[in-house]
């Protein structure tokens, strides 16, 4: 009778899956930067489209995305088009976007302060250190929420990023 038992899938996200997904985001950012360096805007845009589909859950609905360097009235990017504009620029509907991911990034490292696992949802908070071609490191504060999507992939559904508060 074992054959008649229902099949149960484990829908719990593991810490290792979170770390792998974060590293995938870093690798995607670096891939966009390299595509721009080697092939210009068109190559960066094509790469960014693939990265967004893999890393973010836009194909399942709105994503709560607040990038580092956005400003009112386009602070939040709930759509893939808005995220793409932020990463590569070149969209007249988002005239202030210069293309965060097309900068000459050479290295991306994540330092988590908190990782919370809640079944098919995971939340992280910490820093991302980005190193450019000159060796300058930019640190951003990052909060992410990840969900196990219907296709079995873990994707970002919340991304909040800001520069650390410098004080007065």
Protein backbone atom coordinates (compact mmCIF):
# COMPACT_ATOMS: atom_id res chain seq x y z
CA UNK A 1 0.00 0.00 0.00
CA UNK A 2 3.02 2.30 0.13
CA UNK A 3 2.34 3.25 -3.49
CA UNK A 4 -0.96 4.87 -2.49
CA UNK A 5 0.61 7.29 0.00
CA UNK A 6 0.61 10.90 -1.14
CA UNK A 7 3.93 12.29 -2.31
CA UNK A 8 5.04 15.16 -0.10
CA UNK A 9 7.58 17.66 -1.34
CA UNK A 10 9.75 19.53 1.09
CA UNK A 11 8.85 23.18 0.56
CA UNK A 12 11.16 24.48 3.27
CA UNK A 13 13.96 26.75 2.11
CA UNK A 14 17.33 25.91 3.63
CA UNK A 15 20.06 28.31 4.68
CA UNK A 16 22.33 26.88 1.99
CA UNK A 17 19.69 27.57 -0.67
CA UNK A 18 19.48 31.18 0.54
CA UNK A 19 23.25 31.56 0.38
CA UNK A 20 23.29 30.03 -3.11
CA UNK A 21 20.54 32.38 -4.27
CA UNK A 22 22.38 35.39 -2.88
CA UNK A 23 25.57 34.29 -4.62
CA UNK A 24 23.56 33.86 -7.81
CA UNK A 25 22.41 37.48 -7.47
CA UNK A 26 26.04 38.61 -7.10
CA UNK A 27 27.10 36.51 -10.08
CA UNK A 28 24.25 37.99 -12.11
CA UNK A 29 25.24 41.55 -11.24
CA UNK A 30 28.84 40.85 -12.29
CA UNK A 31 27.63 39.16 -15.49
CA UNK A 32 25.63 42.27 -16.44
CA UNK A 33 28.67 44.46 -15.80
CA UNK A 34 30.89 42.20 -17.92
CA UNK A 35 28.31 42.00 -20.70
CA UNK A 36 28.23 45.79 -20.85
CA UNK A 37 32.04 45.99 -20.92
CA UNK A 38 32.30 43.44 -23.75
CA UNK A 39 29.15 44.08 -25.78
CA UNK A 40 27.67 47.42 -24.79
CA UNK A 41 24.12 48.26 -23.81
CA UNK A 42 22.35 45.58 -25.90
CA UNK A 43 24.44 42.79 -24.37
CA UNK A 44 23.91 44.16 -20.86
CA UNK A 45 20.16 44.43 -21.39
CA UNK A 46 19.92 40.86 -22.70
CA UNK A 47 21.95 39.55 -19.75
CA UNK A 48 19.94 41.62 -17.26
CA UNK A 49 16.67 40.20 -18.60
CA UNK A 50 17.94 36.67 -17.94
CA UNK A 51 19.25 37.62 -14.49
CA UNK A 52 15.94 39.23 -13.52
CA UNK A 53 13.98 36.15 -14.63
CA UNK A 54 16.25 33.87 -12.64
CA UNK A 55 16.73 35.98 -9.49
CA UNK A 56 13.38 37.78 -9.03
CA UNK A 57 9.77 36.60 -8.93
CA UNK A 58 8.34 39.13 -11.40
CA UNK A 59 6.82 36.35 -13.52
CA UNK A 60 4.54 35.55 -10.55
CA UNK A 61 3.52 39.10 -9.66
CA UNK A 62 4.81 42.34 -8.23
CA UNK A 63 8.14 42.36 -6.40
CA UNK A 64 8.74 44.76 -3.51
CA UNK A 65 11.97 46.24 -4.92
CA UNK A 66 13.51 49.42 -3.54
CA UNK A 67 16.93 49.82 -5.15
CA UNK A 68 19.77 51.80 -3.60
CA UNK A 69 19.95 54.80 -5.90
CA UNK A 70 16.35 55.56 -6.83
CA UNK A 71 14.40 58.68 -6.05
CA UNK A 72 10.84 59.88 -5.83
CA UNK A 73 8.55 59.49 -7.76
CA UNK A 74 10.18 56.25 -9.01
CA UNK A 75 11.66 54.94 -5.77
CA UNK A 76 9.98 51.53 -5.91
CA UNK A 77 10.17 49.03 -8.78
CA UNK A 78 7.30 46.56 -8.56
CA UNK A 79 7.60 45.61 -12.26
CA UNK A 80 10.33 43.91 -14.24
CA UNK A 81 10.52 46.92 -16.59
CA UNK A 82 11.33 49.15 -13.63
CA UNK A 83 13.96 46.75 -12.34
CA UNK A 84 15.53 46.42 -15.79
CA UNK A 85 15.72 50.21 -16.10
CA UNK A 86 17.47 50.40 -12.73
CA UNK A 87 20.03 47.75 -13.62
CA UNK A 88 20.92 48.90 -17.15
CA UNK A 89 19.35 52.34 -17.74
CA UNK A 90 18.30 53.36 -21.23
CA UNK A 91 14.56 53.54 -20.56
CA UNK A 92 13.00 56.96 -21.19
CA UNK A 93 10.23 56.12 -18.71
CA UNK A 94 12.92 56.08 -15.98
CA UNK A 95 15.08 59.07 -16.98
CA UNK A 96 17.09 59.14 -13.72
CA UNK A 97 18.33 55.55 -14.07
CA UNK A 98 21.94 55.39 -15.22
CA UNK A 99 22.41 51.62 -14.98
CA UNK A 100 23.61 50.44 -11.58
CA UNK A 101 24.71 47.04 -12.93
CA UNK A 102 26.70 48.39 -15.89
CA UNK A 103 29.26 49.98 -13.61
CA UNK A 104 32.61 48.19 -13.78
CA UNK A 105 31.91 45.86 -10.85
CA UNK A 106 34.62 43.27 -10.28
CA UNK A 107 33.59 41.64 -7.02
CA UNK A 108 30.43 41.17 -4.98
CA UNK A 109 30.39 39.78 -1.44
CA UNK A 110 27.47 39.31 0.92
CA UNK A 111 27.72 39.59 4.70
CA UNK A 112 24.49 38.45 6.34
CA UNK A 113 23.65 39.72 9.80
CA UNK A 114 20.37 37.80 9.98
CA UNK A 115 18.94 34.83 8.09
CA UNK A 116 15.40 33.81 9.00
CA UNK A 117 13.85 30.64 7.60
CA UNK A 118 10.05 30.33 7.63
CA UNK A 119 9.08 27.32 5.53
CA UNK A 120 8.91 28.45 1.90
CA UNK A 121 9.93 32.02 2.88
CA UNK A 122 13.38 33.24 3.92
CA UNK A 123 14.40 36.75 4.99
CA UNK A 124 17.92 38.12 5.18
CA UNK A 125 19.46 41.38 6.30
CA UNK A 126 23.07 42.47 6.07
CA UNK A 127 25.51 44.13 3.72
CA UNK A 128 26.68 43.69 0.17
CA UNK A 129 30.20 44.85 -0.63
CA UNK A 130 30.72 45.79 -4.28
CA UNK A 131 34.22 46.37 -5.62
CA UNK A 132 34.71 48.34 -8.81
CA UNK A 133 37.55 48.17 -11.35
CA UNK A 134 39.64 50.69 -9.42
CA UNK A 135 39.36 48.63 -6.22
CA UNK A 136 36.94 51.02 -4.52
CA UNK A 137 34.45 49.19 -2.30
CA UNK A 138 30.85 50.37 -2.01
CA UNK A 139 28.87 48.85 0.85
CA UNK A 140 25.08 48.79 0.76
CA UNK A 141 22.59 47.70 3.41
CA UNK A 142 20.41 44.94 1.99
CA UNK A 143 17.19 43.23 3.08
CA UNK A 144 15.86 40.39 0.96
CA UNK A 145 12.90 38.04 1.15
CA UNK A 146 13.02 34.84 -0.87
CA UNK A 147 10.14 32.53 -1.77
CA UNK A 148 10.11 29.04 -3.19
CA UNK A 149 8.19 29.67 -6.42
CA UNK A 150 5.74 27.28 -8.16
CA UNK A 151 8.49 26.22 -10.61
CA UNK A 152 10.67 25.03 -7.71
CA UNK A 153 13.12 27.93 -7.89
CA UNK A 154 13.90 30.30 -5.05
CA UNK A 155 13.49 33.92 -6.07
CA UNK A 156 13.62 37.37 -4.54
CA UNK A 157 10.20 38.86 -3.79
CA UNK A 158 11.43 41.71 -1.58
CA UNK A 159 14.65 43.64 -2.11
CA UNK A 160 15.38 46.77 -0.09
CA UNK A 161 18.75 48.40 -0.51
CA UNK A 162 20.21 51.64 0.79
CA UNK A 163 23.52 53.28 1.53
CA UNK A 164 24.53 53.01 5.19
CA UNK A 165 23.59 56.02 7.31
CA UNK A 166 26.65 58.21 7.71
CA UNK A 167 25.35 60.43 10.52
CA UNK A 168 26.11 64.09 10.98
